[in-house]
Amino acid sequence: MNARLTPFLILALFAVAFVLMQSNQRKFLADEGRLGTREEPARDAVVLSWSSAVDAPMARRFEEAFAEHRDSASLFIIELNSPGGAIAEGKRIVQLLDRMKRTHEVETRVGAGDFCLSMCVPIFLKGDVRIAAPNARFMFHEPSSYDSFTGERTNEPQFERRFVADRFFDRYFENSPMTPAWRAQLESDWVGRDVWKSGEDLWRENSGVLTALSS
């Protein structure tokens, strides 16, 4: 390689990295997530509907809605339809729901034909009441890591993936409402693959994930 070209190649690589970083930052800060809000006075409730990835600005939207309606309702109903997303954003939502439950009842729902996949599941499990349609779809899988610049999935060593998966399982499923036998089977089944369940499956298998099936 011509030595005189090397500085130009280095500059080009830095330029590409900068563009990727800026693009990723814009995506992170974009207000693409829309939180639907409606009141159900008969139940003294506020319904918060999220049909998007678990990603920014989800936590901020929920925090704003809770701050606005906390004094006018005793129940928050969380309607979810999500392919999952960022573990860090999901963690913020889970922490927020824990705070909400200190003063309010929280109900989570997945409607007919809707999805609750991956990081959506720990959020759903936070409901005091957890309702899904028979044909709602849930998916459980080991967490994956993605490059912060490119958004592409990274390939960590096996021991690292196992550590991350075990930590995720302990944090979100071990002390969840899941029945112990069903949880133990999930821990075995989800290694290296996606585990799909319908609302009807979860109810029939006595998973503890649901407290009721919707009609």
N, C-alpha and C. Protein backbone atom coordinates (compact mmCIF):
# COMPACT_ATOMS: atom_id res chain seq x y z
N MET A 1 0.85 -1.20 0.00
CA MET A 1 0.00 0.00 0.00
C MET A 1 0.89 1.24 0.00
N ASN A 2 0.50 2.21 -0.80
CA ASN A 2 1.25 3.45 -0.87
C ASN A 2 1.17 4.18 0.47
N ALA A 3 2.35 4.48 1.05
CA ALA A 3 2.40 5.09 2.37
C ALA A 3 1.71 6.45 2.39
N ARG A 4 1.72 7.13 1.21
CA ARG A 4 1.10 8.45 1.17
C ARG A 4 -0.42 8.37 1.29
N LEU A 5 -0.99 7.21 0.97
CA LEU A 5 -2.44 7.07 1.07
C LEU A 5 -2.92 6.78 2.49
N THR A 6 -1.99 6.29 3.33
CA THR A 6 -2.39 5.86 4.67
C THR A 6 -3.09 6.95 5.48
N PRO A 7 -2.55 8.18 5.55
CA PRO A 7 -3.25 9.22 6.33
C PRO A 7 -4.66 9.48 5.83
N PHE A 8 -4.85 9.41 4.49
CA PHE A 8 -6.18 9.64 3.94
C PHE A 8 -7.14 8.51 4.33
N LEU A 9 -6.63 7.28 4.35
CA LEU A 9 -7.46 6.15 4.76
C LEU A 9 -7.87 6.26 6.22
N ILE A 10 -6.92 6.69 7.06
CA ILE A 10 -7.21 6.87 8.48
C ILE A 10 -8.29 7.93 8.67
N LEU A 11 -8.13 9.05 7.93
CA LEU A 11 -9.13 10.11 8.03
C LEU A 11 -10.50 9.64 7.56
N ALA A 12 -10.50 8.83 6.50
CA ALA A 12 -11.76 8.32 5.98
C ALA A 12 -12.43 7.41 7.00
N LEU A 13 -11.64 6.58 7.66
CA LEU A 13 -12.20 5.68 8.68
C LEU A 13 -12.78 6.47 9.84
N PHE A 14 -12.07 7.52 10.26
CA PHE A 14 -12.59 8.37 11.34
C PHE A 14 -13.89 9.05 10.91
N ALA A 15 -13.94 9.47 9.64
CA ALA A 15 -15.15 10.13 9.15
C ALA A 15 -16.33 9.18 9.15
N VAL A 16 -16.11 7.94 8.72
CA VAL A 16 -17.18 6.94 8.72
C VAL A 16 -17.66 6.67 10.14
N ALA A 17 -16.69 6.52 11.07
CA ALA A 17 -17.05 6.26 12.47
C ALA A 17 -17.86 7.41 13.05
N PHE A 18 -17.48 8.65 12.69
CA PHE A 18 -18.20 9.82 13.20
C PHE A 18 -19.63 9.85 12.68
N VAL A 19 -19.80 9.56 11.39
CA VAL A 19 -21.14 9.55 10.79
C VAL A 19 -22.02 8.50 11.45
N LEU A 20 -21.45 7.31 11.68
CA LEU A 20 -22.21 6.25 12.33
C LEU A 20 -22.60 6.64 13.75
N MET A 21 -21.68 7.28 14.46
CA MET A 21 -21.95 7.70 15.82
C MET A 21 -23.06 8.74 15.85
N GLN A 22 -23.01 9.70 14.94
CA GLN A 22 -24.03 10.73 14.88
C GLN A 22 -25.39 10.14 14.53
N SER A 23 -25.39 9.20 13.58
CA SER A 23 -26.64 8.55 13.19
C SER A 23 -27.25 7.79 14.35
N ASN A 24 -26.40 7.08 15.08
CA ASN A 24 -26.89 6.32 16.23
C ASN A 24 -27.43 7.24 17.32
N GLN A 25 -26.75 8.37 17.52
CA GLN A 25 -27.19 9.33 18.54
C GLN A 25 -28.54 9.94 18.16
N ARG A 26 -28.71 10.27 16.87
CA ARG A 26 -29.99 10.83 16.43
C ARG A 26 -31.11 9.82 16.62
N LYS A 27 -30.81 8.56 16.33
CA LYS A 27 -31.81 7.51 16.52
C LYS A 27 -32.19 7.39 17.98
N PHE A 28 -31.17 7.47 18.87
CA PHE A 28 -31.41 7.32 20.30
C PHE A 28 -32.26 8.46 20.84
N LEU A 29 -32.02 9.67 20.33
CA LEU A 29 -32.71 10.84 20.85
C LEU A 29 -34.02 11.13 20.14
N ALA A 30 -34.28 10.46 19.02
CA ALA A 30 -35.48 10.75 18.24
C ALA A 30 -36.73 10.40 19.03
N ASP A 31 -37.76 11.23 18.85
CA ASP A 31 -39.03 10.99 19.52
C ASP A 31 -39.93 10.14 18.61
N GLU A 32 -39.43 8.97 18.21
CA GLU A 32 -40.21 8.12 17.32
C GLU A 32 -41.28 7.36 18.09
N GLY A 33 -41.04 7.07 19.36
CA GLY A 33 -42.00 6.32 20.16
C GLY A 33 -43.20 7.19 20.52
N ARG A 34 -44.38 6.67 20.31
CA ARG A 34 -45.60 7.40 20.63
C ARG A 34 -46.37 6.63 21.69
N LEU A 35 -46.68 7.28 22.78
CA LEU A 35 -47.43 6.67 23.87
C LEU A 35 -48.88 7.13 23.80
N GLY A 36 -49.78 6.18 23.58
CA GLY A 36 -51.20 6.52 23.59
C GLY A 36 -51.72 6.58 25.02
N THR A 37 -52.56 7.55 25.31
CA THR A 37 -53.10 7.73 26.65
C THR A 37 -54.60 7.97 26.58
N ARG A 38 -55.34 7.26 27.41
CA ARG A 38 -56.78 7.51 27.50
C ARG A 38 -57.24 7.18 28.92
N GLU A 39 -58.34 7.80 29.30
CA GLU A 39 -58.88 7.59 30.64
C GLU A 39 -60.05 6.62 30.60
N GLU A 40 -60.18 5.82 31.65
CA GLU A 40 -61.34 4.96 31.85
C GLU A 40 -61.93 5.30 33.21
N PRO A 41 -62.76 6.35 33.27
CA PRO A 41 -63.28 6.83 34.56
C PRO A 41 -64.03 5.77 35.35
N ALA A 42 -64.71 4.85 34.68
CA ALA A 42 -65.48 3.83 35.39
C ALA A 42 -64.59 2.96 36.26
N ARG A 43 -63.33 2.83 35.87
CA ARG A 43 -62.39 2.01 36.65
C ARG A 43 -61.38 2.88 37.40
N ASP A 44 -61.56 4.20 37.35
CA ASP A 44 -60.59 5.11 37.96
C ASP A 44 -59.20 4.80 37.42
N ALA A 45 -59.14 4.65 36.09
CA ALA A 45 -57.92 4.15 35.46
C ALA A 45 -57.46 5.06 34.32
N VAL A 46 -56.15 4.97 34.06
CA VAL A 46 -55.54 5.58 32.88
C VAL A 46 -54.86 4.45 32.11
N VAL A 47 -55.12 4.42 30.80
CA VAL A 47 -54.55 3.39 29.93
C VAL A 47 -53.38 4.00 29.15
N LEU A 48 -52.24 3.35 29.23
CA LEU A 48 -51.05 3.76 28.50
C LEU A 48 -50.74 2.68 27.47
N SER A 49 -50.78 3.04 26.18
CA SER A 49 -50.60 2.06 25.10
C SER A 49 -49.28 2.31 24.37
N TRP A 50 -48.46 1.27 24.30
CA TRP A 50 -47.16 1.37 23.62
C TRP A 50 -47.09 0.31 22.52
N SER A 51 -46.99 0.75 21.26
CA SER A 51 -46.85 -0.15 20.11
C SER A 51 -45.59 0.22 19.36
N SER A 52 -44.47 -0.17 19.93
CA SER A 52 -43.17 0.17 19.34
C SER A 52 -42.11 -0.64 20.06
N ALA A 53 -40.87 -0.46 19.63
CA ALA A 53 -39.77 -1.17 20.28
C ALA A 53 -39.55 -0.65 21.69
N VAL A 54 -38.94 -1.47 22.52
CA VAL A 54 -38.50 -1.04 23.85
C VAL A 54 -37.22 -0.25 23.64
N ASP A 55 -37.38 1.02 23.45
CA ASP A 55 -36.23 1.88 23.15
C ASP A 55 -36.61 3.30 23.49
N ALA A 56 -35.60 4.18 23.60
CA ALA A 56 -35.87 5.58 23.88
C ALA A 56 -36.81 6.13 22.81
N PRO A 57 -37.80 6.95 23.20
CA PRO A 57 -37.98 7.57 24.52
C PRO A 57 -39.05 6.89 25.38
N MET A 58 -39.13 5.59 25.36
CA MET A 58 -40.20 4.88 26.06
C MET A 58 -40.26 5.23 27.54
N ALA A 59 -39.14 5.11 28.24
CA ALA A 59 -39.14 5.37 29.68
C ALA A 59 -39.56 6.81 29.97
N ARG A 60 -39.05 7.73 29.17
CA ARG A 60 -39.40 9.14 29.39
C ARG A 60 -40.88 9.38 29.17
N ARG A 61 -41.44 8.77 28.14
CA ARG A 61 -42.87 8.93 27.87
C ARG A 61 -43.71 8.40 29.04
N PHE A 62 -43.35 7.24 29.56
CA PHE A 62 -44.10 6.67 30.67
C PHE A 62 -43.95 7.53 31.93
N GLU A 63 -42.76 8.02 32.18
CA GLU A 63 -42.54 8.87 33.36
C GLU A 63 -43.38 10.13 33.26
N GLU A 64 -43.44 10.74 32.08
CA GLU A 64 -44.23 11.96 31.89
C GLU A 64 -45.73 11.67 32.09
N ALA A 65 -46.19 10.55 31.54
CA ALA A 65 -47.61 10.20 31.68
C ALA A 65 -47.97 9.90 33.14
N PHE A 66 -47.08 9.21 33.83
CA PHE A 66 -47.35 8.92 35.24
C PHE A 66 -47.40 10.19 36.06
N ALA A 67 -46.46 11.10 35.81
CA ALA A 67 -46.43 12.37 36.54
C ALA A 67 -47.71 13.17 36.28
N GLU A 68 -48.22 13.10 35.06
CA GLU A 68 -49.41 13.87 34.69
C GLU A 68 -50.68 13.30 35.30
N HIS A 69 -50.77 11.98 35.41
CA HIS A 69 -52.04 11.34 35.78
C HIS A 69 -52.04 10.67 37.15
N ARG A 70 -50.95 10.70 37.86
CA ARG A 70 -50.87 9.94 39.10
C ARG A 70 -51.89 10.38 40.14
N ASP A 71 -52.28 11.64 40.11
CA ASP A 71 -53.24 12.14 41.11
C ASP A 71 -54.69 12.00 40.67
N SER A 72 -54.91 11.51 39.46
CA SER A 72 -56.29 11.42 38.95
C SER A 72 -56.73 10.00 38.68
N ALA A 73 -55.91 9.01 39.08
CA ALA A 73 -56.27 7.61 38.85
C ALA A 73 -55.61 6.74 39.91
N SER A 74 -56.26 5.62 40.20
CA SER A 74 -55.66 4.66 41.14
C SER A 74 -55.08 3.44 40.41
N LEU A 75 -55.43 3.31 39.11
CA LEU A 75 -55.00 2.16 38.33
C LEU A 75 -54.38 2.62 37.02
N PHE A 76 -53.23 2.06 36.67
CA PHE A 76 -52.62 2.28 35.37
C PHE A 76 -52.64 0.96 34.60
N ILE A 77 -53.22 1.01 33.42
CA ILE A 77 -53.29 -0.15 32.55
C ILE A 77 -52.28 0.04 31.42
N ILE A 78 -51.34 -0.89 31.32
CA ILE A 78 -50.27 -0.80 30.32
C ILE A 78 -50.58 -1.77 29.19
N GLU A 79 -50.90 -1.24 28.01
CA GLU A 79 -51.14 -2.07 26.83
C GLU A 79 -49.85 -2.15 26.02
N LEU A 80 -49.39 -3.38 25.78
CA LEU A 80 -48.10 -3.58 25.12
C LEU A 80 -48.27 -4.29 23.78
N ASN A 81 -47.54 -3.82 22.79
CA ASN A 81 -47.43 -4.50 21.49
C ASN A 81 -46.03 -4.17 20.99
N SER A 82 -45.07 -5.02 21.31
CA SER A 82 -43.67 -4.63 21.12
C SER A 82 -42.81 -5.82 20.71
N PRO A 83 -41.86 -5.57 19.79
CA PRO A 83 -40.91 -6.61 19.40
C PRO A 83 -39.74 -6.73 20.36
N GLY A 84 -39.79 -6.01 21.48
CA GLY A 84 -38.64 -5.98 22.39
C GLY A 84 -37.67 -4.88 21.99
N GLY A 85 -36.47 -4.95 22.51
CA GLY A 85 -35.50 -3.91 22.18
C GLY A 85 -34.36 -3.85 23.17
N ALA A 86 -34.06 -2.64 23.62
CA ALA A 86 -32.86 -2.39 24.42
C ALA A 86 -33.05 -2.82 25.87
N ILE A 87 -32.10 -3.58 26.38
CA ILE A 87 -32.16 -4.03 27.77
C ILE A 87 -32.12 -2.84 28.73
N ALA A 88 -31.27 -1.86 28.43
CA ALA A 88 -31.13 -0.70 29.32
C ALA A 88 -32.43 0.08 29.42
N GLU A 89 -33.13 0.27 28.29
CA GLU A 89 -34.40 0.99 28.32
C GLU A 89 -35.46 0.16 29.04
N GLY A 90 -35.44 -1.14 28.81
CA GLY A 90 -36.38 -2.01 29.50
C GLY A 90 -36.18 -1.98 31.00
N LYS A 91 -34.93 -1.93 31.42
CA LYS A 91 -34.62 -1.86 32.85
C LYS A 91 -35.21 -0.59 33.46
N ARG A 92 -35.13 0.53 32.73
CA ARG A 92 -35.70 1.78 33.24
C ARG A 92 -37.22 1.68 33.37
N ILE A 93 -37.86 1.02 32.43
CA ILE A 93 -39.32 0.85 32.51
C ILE A 93 -39.69 -0.03 33.70
N VAL A 94 -38.97 -1.13 33.86
CA VAL A 94 -39.23 -2.04 34.99
C VAL A 94 -39.09 -1.30 36.31
N GLN A 95 -38.05 -0.49 36.44
CA GLN A 95 -37.84 0.28 37.67
C GLN A 95 -38.97 1.29 37.89
N LEU A 96 -39.43 1.91 36.80
CA LEU A 96 -40.53 2.86 36.90
C LEU A 96 -41.81 2.15 37.36
N LEU A 97 -42.10 0.99 36.79
CA LEU A 97 -43.31 0.26 37.20
C LEU A 97 -43.23 -0.16 38.66
N ASP A 98 -42.05 -0.51 39.13
CA ASP A 98 -41.89 -0.81 40.56
C ASP A 98 -42.24 0.40 41.41
N ARG A 99 -41.83 1.58 40.97
CA ARG A 99 -42.16 2.80 41.72
C ARG A 99 -43.66 3.08 41.65
N MET A 100 -44.26 2.89 40.48
CA MET A 100 -45.69 3.12 40.32
C MET A 100 -46.49 2.21 41.25
N LYS A 101 -46.04 0.98 41.43
CA LYS A 101 -46.79 0.00 42.22
C LYS A 101 -46.75 0.31 43.72
N ARG A 102 -45.90 1.21 44.14
CA ARG A 102 -45.90 1.60 45.55
C ARG A 102 -47.16 2.38 45.90
N THR A 103 -47.75 3.05 44.91
CA THR A 103 -48.91 3.91 45.19
C THR A 103 -50.12 3.59 44.32
N HIS A 104 -49.94 2.84 43.26
CA HIS A 104 -51.02 2.56 42.32
C HIS A 104 -51.02 1.07 41.95
N GLU A 105 -52.18 0.61 41.50
CA GLU A 105 -52.25 -0.73 40.92
C GLU A 105 -51.81 -0.64 39.45
N VAL A 106 -51.08 -1.64 38.99
CA VAL A 106 -50.63 -1.68 37.60
C VAL A 106 -51.13 -2.97 36.96
N GLU A 107 -51.78 -2.80 35.82
CA GLU A 107 -52.28 -3.95 35.05
C GLU A 107 -51.59 -3.93 33.69
N THR A 108 -51.12 -5.08 33.23
CA THR A 108 -50.50 -5.17 31.91
C THR A 108 -51.34 -6.04 31.00
N ARG A 109 -51.38 -5.67 29.71
CA ARG A 109 -52.22 -6.38 28.74
C ARG A 109 -51.47 -6.53 27.42
N VAL A 110 -51.73 -7.65 26.73
CA VAL A 110 -51.32 -7.82 25.34
C VAL A 110 -52.58 -8.25 24.59
N GLY A 111 -52.97 -7.45 23.62
CA GLY A 111 -54.25 -7.66 22.96
C GLY A 111 -54.24 -8.71 21.87
N ALA A 112 -55.39 -8.91 21.26
CA ALA A 112 -55.56 -9.92 20.21
C ALA A 112 -54.62 -9.65 19.04
N GLY A 113 -53.83 -10.66 18.70
CA GLY A 113 -52.91 -10.55 17.58
C GLY A 113 -51.67 -9.73 17.85
N ASP A 114 -51.53 -9.20 19.06
CA ASP A 114 -50.37 -8.38 19.39
C ASP A 114 -49.23 -9.23 19.92
N PHE A 115 -48.06 -8.59 20.01
CA PHE A 115 -46.84 -9.29 20.38
C PHE A 115 -46.23 -8.69 21.64
N CYS A 116 -45.58 -9.54 22.40
CA CYS A 116 -44.74 -9.09 23.52
C CYS A 116 -43.50 -9.98 23.48
N LEU A 117 -42.46 -9.49 22.88
CA LEU A 117 -41.28 -10.30 22.60
C LEU A 117 -40.07 -9.81 23.39
N SER A 118 -39.22 -10.74 23.77
CA SER A 118 -37.91 -10.41 24.31
C SER A 118 -38.02 -9.49 25.53
N MET A 119 -37.46 -8.27 25.47
CA MET A 119 -37.43 -7.38 26.62
C MET A 119 -38.80 -6.87 27.02
N CYS A 120 -39.79 -7.06 26.15
CA CYS A 120 -41.17 -6.69 26.52
C CYS A 120 -41.69 -7.58 27.65
N VAL A 121 -41.22 -8.83 27.69
CA VAL A 121 -41.77 -9.78 28.67
C VAL A 121 -41.51 -9.35 30.11
N PRO A 122 -40.28 -8.95 30.50
CA PRO A 122 -40.09 -8.48 31.88
C PRO A 122 -40.99 -7.30 32.24
N ILE A 123 -41.28 -6.45 31.26
CA ILE A 123 -42.19 -5.32 31.52
C ILE A 123 -43.60 -5.85 31.79
N PHE A 124 -44.06 -6.77 30.95
CA PHE A 124 -45.39 -7.36 31.13
C PHE A 124 -45.51 -8.02 32.49
N LEU A 125 -44.47 -8.71 32.92
CA LEU A 125 -44.51 -9.45 34.19
C LEU A 125 -44.66 -8.56 35.41
N LYS A 126 -44.45 -7.26 35.25
CA LYS A 126 -44.55 -6.34 36.38
C LYS A 126 -46.00 -6.02 36.75
N GLY A 127 -46.96 -6.40 35.91
CA GLY A 127 -48.35 -6.10 36.24
C GLY A 127 -48.83 -6.88 37.46
N ASP A 128 -49.58 -6.21 38.32
CA ASP A 128 -50.26 -6.93 39.41
C ASP A 128 -51.29 -7.87 38.80
N VAL A 129 -51.95 -7.38 37.75
CA VAL A 129 -52.86 -8.17 36.93
C VAL A 129 -52.26 -8.23 35.54
N ARG A 130 -52.23 -9.45 34.93
CA ARG A 130 -51.56 -9.62 33.63
C ARG A 130 -52.50 -10.39 32.70
N ILE A 131 -53.00 -9.70 31.68
CA ILE A 131 -54.03 -10.25 30.82
C ILE A 131 -53.53 -10.28 29.37
N ALA A 132 -53.81 -11.37 28.68
CA ALA A 132 -53.46 -11.46 27.26
C ALA A 132 -54.57 -12.17 26.51
N ALA A 133 -54.69 -11.87 25.24
CA ALA A 133 -55.63 -12.57 24.37
C ALA A 133 -55.09 -13.97 24.07
N PRO A 134 -55.97 -14.92 23.78
CA PRO A 134 -55.50 -16.26 23.45
C PRO A 134 -54.50 -16.29 22.30
N ASN A 135 -54.69 -15.40 21.30
CA ASN A 135 -53.78 -15.40 20.16
C ASN A 135 -52.68 -14.34 20.26
N ALA A 136 -52.53 -13.72 21.42
CA ALA A 136 -51.36 -12.85 21.64
C ALA A 136 -50.11 -13.72 21.59
N ARG A 137 -49.00 -13.12 21.14
CA ARG A 137 -47.77 -13.90 20.97
C ARG A 137 -46.68 -13.36 21.88
N PHE A 138 -46.04 -14.29 22.60
CA PHE A 138 -44.93 -13.96 23.48
C PHE A 138 -43.69 -14.71 22.99
N MET A 139 -42.52 -14.09 23.19
CA MET A 139 -41.28 -14.77 22.81
C MET A 139 -40.22 -14.50 23.87
N PHE A 140 -39.60 -15.59 24.32
CA PHE A 140 -38.55 -15.55 25.32
C PHE A 140 -37.25 -15.99 24.65
N HIS A 141 -36.19 -15.22 24.85
CA HIS A 141 -34.88 -15.68 24.36
C HIS A 141 -33.76 -15.05 25.16
N GLU A 142 -32.61 -15.66 25.06
CA GLU A 142 -31.44 -15.13 25.76
C GLU A 142 -31.11 -13.75 25.19
N PRO A 143 -30.65 -12.82 26.03
CA PRO A 143 -30.35 -11.48 25.54
C PRO A 143 -29.17 -11.49 24.59
N SER A 144 -29.20 -10.56 23.63
CA SER A 144 -28.13 -10.40 22.65
C SER A 144 -27.49 -9.04 22.82
N SER A 145 -26.22 -8.93 22.44
CA SER A 145 -25.51 -7.65 22.50
C SER A 145 -25.37 -7.10 21.08
N TYR A 146 -25.45 -5.77 20.99
CA TYR A 146 -25.34 -5.11 19.70
C TYR A 146 -24.30 -4.00 19.76
N ASP A 147 -23.60 -3.82 18.65
CA ASP A 147 -22.59 -2.77 18.55
C ASP A 147 -23.27 -1.41 18.64
N SER A 148 -22.75 -0.55 19.51
CA SER A 148 -23.40 0.75 19.75
C SER A 148 -23.31 1.68 18.55
N PHE A 149 -22.35 1.46 17.65
CA PHE A 149 -22.21 2.32 16.48
C PHE A 149 -23.00 1.79 15.29
N THR A 150 -22.87 0.50 15.00
CA THR A 150 -23.48 -0.05 13.79
C THR A 150 -24.85 -0.64 14.03
N GLY A 151 -25.17 -0.98 15.29
CA GLY A 151 -26.44 -1.63 15.57
C GLY A 151 -26.46 -3.10 15.21
N GLU A 152 -25.30 -3.64 14.78
CA GLU A 152 -25.24 -5.05 14.40
C GLU A 152 -24.98 -5.93 15.62
N ARG A 153 -25.50 -7.14 15.56
CA ARG A 153 -25.31 -8.09 16.64
C ARG A 153 -23.85 -8.50 16.74
N THR A 154 -23.34 -8.56 17.96
CA THR A 154 -21.95 -8.95 18.18
C THR A 154 -21.88 -10.41 18.62
N ASN A 155 -20.73 -11.02 18.37
CA ASN A 155 -20.53 -12.43 18.74
C ASN A 155 -19.56 -12.51 19.91
N GLU A 156 -20.12 -12.63 21.12
CA GLU A 156 -19.28 -12.74 22.31
C GLU A 156 -18.89 -14.20 22.50
N PRO A 157 -17.85 -14.44 23.30
CA PRO A 157 -17.50 -15.83 23.65
C PRO A 157 -18.66 -16.50 24.38
N GLN A 158 -18.71 -17.82 24.29
CA GLN A 158 -19.80 -18.59 24.86
C GLN A 158 -19.97 -18.33 26.36
N PHE A 159 -18.85 -18.29 27.10
CA PHE A 159 -18.95 -18.09 28.54
C PHE A 159 -19.54 -16.72 28.86
N GLU A 160 -19.25 -15.73 28.00
CA GLU A 160 -19.77 -14.38 28.23
C GLU A 160 -21.28 -14.34 27.98
N ARG A 161 -21.72 -15.00 26.91
CA ARG A 161 -23.15 -15.06 26.61
C ARG A 161 -23.91 -15.78 27.72
N ARG A 162 -23.30 -16.85 28.25
CA ARG A 162 -23.94 -17.61 29.31
C ARG A 162 -24.08 -16.76 30.57
N PHE A 163 -23.04 -15.99 30.88
CA PHE A 163 -23.07 -15.12 32.06
C PHE A 163 -24.17 -14.07 31.94
N VAL A 164 -24.24 -13.43 30.75
CA VAL A 164 -25.25 -12.39 30.53
C VAL A 164 -26.65 -12.98 30.59
N ALA A 165 -26.84 -14.16 29.99
CA ALA A 165 -28.16 -14.80 29.99
C ALA A 165 -28.58 -15.18 31.41
N ASP A 166 -27.64 -15.73 32.18
CA ASP A 166 -27.97 -16.13 33.55
C ASP A 166 -28.33 -14.92 34.40
N ARG A 167 -27.59 -13.83 34.21
CA ARG A 167 -27.87 -12.62 34.98
C ARG A 167 -29.24 -12.05 34.61
N PHE A 168 -29.57 -12.06 33.32
CA PHE A 168 -30.88 -11.59 32.86
C PHE A 168 -31.99 -12.44 33.46
N PHE A 169 -31.82 -13.75 33.41
CA PHE A 169 -32.83 -14.66 33.94
C PHE A 169 -33.04 -14.44 35.43
N ASP A 170 -31.94 -14.31 36.17
CA ASP A 170 -32.04 -14.09 37.62
C ASP A 170 -32.75 -12.78 37.94
N ARG A 171 -32.43 -11.74 37.17
CA ARG A 171 -32.98 -10.41 37.47
C ARG A 171 -34.46 -10.33 37.16
N TYR A 172 -34.89 -10.88 36.02
CA TYR A 172 -36.25 -10.64 35.56
C TYR A 172 -37.21 -11.82 35.69
N PHE A 173 -36.71 -13.03 35.81
CA PHE A 173 -37.59 -14.19 35.85
C PHE A 173 -37.55 -14.95 37.17
N GLU A 174 -36.41 -14.95 37.85
CA GLU A 174 -36.27 -15.79 39.04
C GLU A 174 -37.27 -15.41 40.12
N ASN A 175 -37.48 -14.12 40.33
CA ASN A 175 -38.42 -13.68 41.36
C ASN A 175 -39.70 -13.13 40.76
N SER A 176 -40.02 -13.61 39.57
CA SER A 176 -41.22 -13.15 38.87
C SER A 176 -42.42 -14.01 39.28
N PRO A 177 -43.61 -13.70 38.77
CA PRO A 177 -44.79 -14.52 39.10
C PRO A 177 -44.79 -15.89 38.40
N MET A 178 -43.83 -16.18 37.55
CA MET A 178 -43.79 -17.48 36.88
C MET A 178 -43.83 -18.61 37.91
N THR A 179 -44.58 -19.66 37.59
CA THR A 179 -44.58 -20.82 38.47
C THR A 179 -43.20 -21.49 38.40
N PRO A 180 -42.69 -22.00 39.53
CA PRO A 180 -41.33 -22.52 39.56
C PRO A 180 -41.04 -23.61 38.52
N ALA A 181 -41.97 -24.55 38.34
CA ALA A 181 -41.72 -25.64 37.39
C ALA A 181 -41.66 -25.12 35.96
N TRP A 182 -42.57 -24.20 35.62
CA TRP A 182 -42.58 -23.64 34.26
C TRP A 182 -41.32 -22.81 34.03
N ARG A 183 -40.92 -22.05 35.03
CA ARG A 183 -39.70 -21.23 34.92
C ARG A 183 -38.48 -22.12 34.70
N ALA A 184 -38.39 -23.22 35.42
CA ALA A 184 -37.26 -24.12 35.27
C ALA A 184 -37.21 -24.71 33.87
N GLN A 185 -38.38 -25.03 33.31
CA GLN A 185 -38.43 -25.57 31.95
C GLN A 185 -38.00 -24.50 30.94
N LEU A 186 -38.44 -23.27 31.16
CA LEU A 186 -38.04 -22.17 30.27
C LEU A 186 -36.52 -21.99 30.30
N GLU A 187 -35.93 -22.05 31.47
CA GLU A 187 -34.49 -21.85 31.59
C GLU A 187 -33.73 -22.91 30.78
N SER A 188 -34.29 -24.09 30.69
CA SER A 188 -33.68 -25.15 29.88
C SER A 188 -33.96 -24.95 28.40
N ASP A 189 -35.20 -24.57 28.08
CA ASP A 189 -35.63 -24.51 26.68
C ASP A 189 -35.05 -23.33 25.91
N TRP A 190 -34.77 -22.22 26.58
CA TRP A 190 -34.41 -21.02 25.84
C TRP A 190 -32.94 -20.96 25.47
N VAL A 191 -32.13 -21.92 25.88
CA VAL A 191 -30.69 -21.89 25.58
C VAL A 191 -30.48 -22.01 24.07
N GLY A 192 -29.99 -20.93 23.48
CA GLY A 192 -29.64 -20.95 22.06
C GLY A 192 -30.81 -20.87 21.10
N ARG A 193 -32.02 -20.61 21.59
CA ARG A 193 -33.15 -20.54 20.66
C ARG A 193 -34.25 -19.64 21.20
N ASP A 194 -35.19 -19.30 20.33
CA ASP A 194 -36.35 -18.50 20.71
C ASP A 194 -37.47 -19.43 21.15
N VAL A 195 -38.12 -19.08 22.24
CA VAL A 195 -39.25 -19.85 22.75
C VAL A 195 -40.52 -19.03 22.54
N TRP A 196 -41.39 -19.50 21.64
CA TRP A 196 -42.63 -18.79 21.32
C TRP A 196 -43.80 -19.42 22.05
N LYS A 197 -44.67 -18.57 22.59
CA LYS A 197 -45.87 -19.03 23.28
C LYS A 197 -47.02 -18.10 22.94
N SER A 198 -48.19 -18.66 22.75
CA SER A 198 -49.38 -17.84 22.63
C SER A 198 -49.93 -17.56 24.03
N GLY A 199 -50.86 -16.61 24.11
CA GLY A 199 -51.50 -16.38 25.39
C GLY A 199 -52.19 -17.64 25.89
N GLU A 200 -52.81 -18.37 24.96
CA GLU A 200 -53.48 -19.60 25.33
C GLU A 200 -52.49 -20.64 25.86
N ASP A 201 -51.31 -20.73 25.21
CA ASP A 201 -50.27 -21.66 25.69
C ASP A 201 -49.89 -21.34 27.14
N LEU A 202 -49.64 -20.07 27.39
CA LEU A 202 -49.20 -19.66 28.72
C LEU A 202 -50.25 -19.97 29.78
N TRP A 203 -51.51 -19.79 29.40
CA TRP A 203 -52.60 -20.06 30.35
C TRP A 203 -52.76 -21.56 30.57
N ARG A 204 -52.76 -22.31 29.48
CA ARG A 204 -52.95 -23.76 29.58
C ARG A 204 -51.80 -24.44 30.33
N GLU A 205 -50.59 -23.91 30.16
CA GLU A 205 -49.41 -24.51 30.80
C GLU A 205 -49.23 -24.06 32.25
N ASN A 206 -50.17 -23.25 32.75
CA ASN A 206 -50.08 -22.76 34.13
C ASN A 206 -48.71 -22.12 34.39
N SER A 207 -48.32 -21.22 33.47
CA SER A 207 -47.00 -20.60 33.52
C SER A 207 -46.86 -19.57 34.62
N GLY A 208 -47.97 -18.98 35.05
CA GLY A 208 -47.91 -17.88 36.00
C GLY A 208 -47.67 -16.54 35.33
N VAL A 209 -47.37 -16.55 34.02
CA VAL A 209 -47.14 -15.31 33.30
C VAL A 209 -48.43 -14.49 33.23
N LEU A 210 -49.57 -15.17 33.09
CA LEU A 210 -50.86 -14.50 33.02
C LEU A 210 -51.66 -14.72 34.29
N THR A 211 -52.47 -13.74 34.63
CA THR A 211 -53.47 -13.94 35.67
C THR A 211 -54.84 -14.21 35.06
N ALA A 212 -54.99 -13.90 33.75
CA ALA A 212 -56.26 -14.15 33.08
C ALA A 212 -56.09 -14.09 31.58
N LEU A 213 -56.94 -14.80 30.87
CA LEU A 213 -57.07 -14.67 29.41
C LEU A 213 -58.22 -13.71 29.12
N SER A 214 -58.02 -12.84 28.13
CA SER A 214 -59.13 -11.98 27.72
C SER A 214 -60.02 -12.78 26.78
N SER A 215 -61.24 -12.34 26.66
CA SER A 215 -62.22 -13.06 25.81
C SER A 215 -62.03 -12.69 24.37
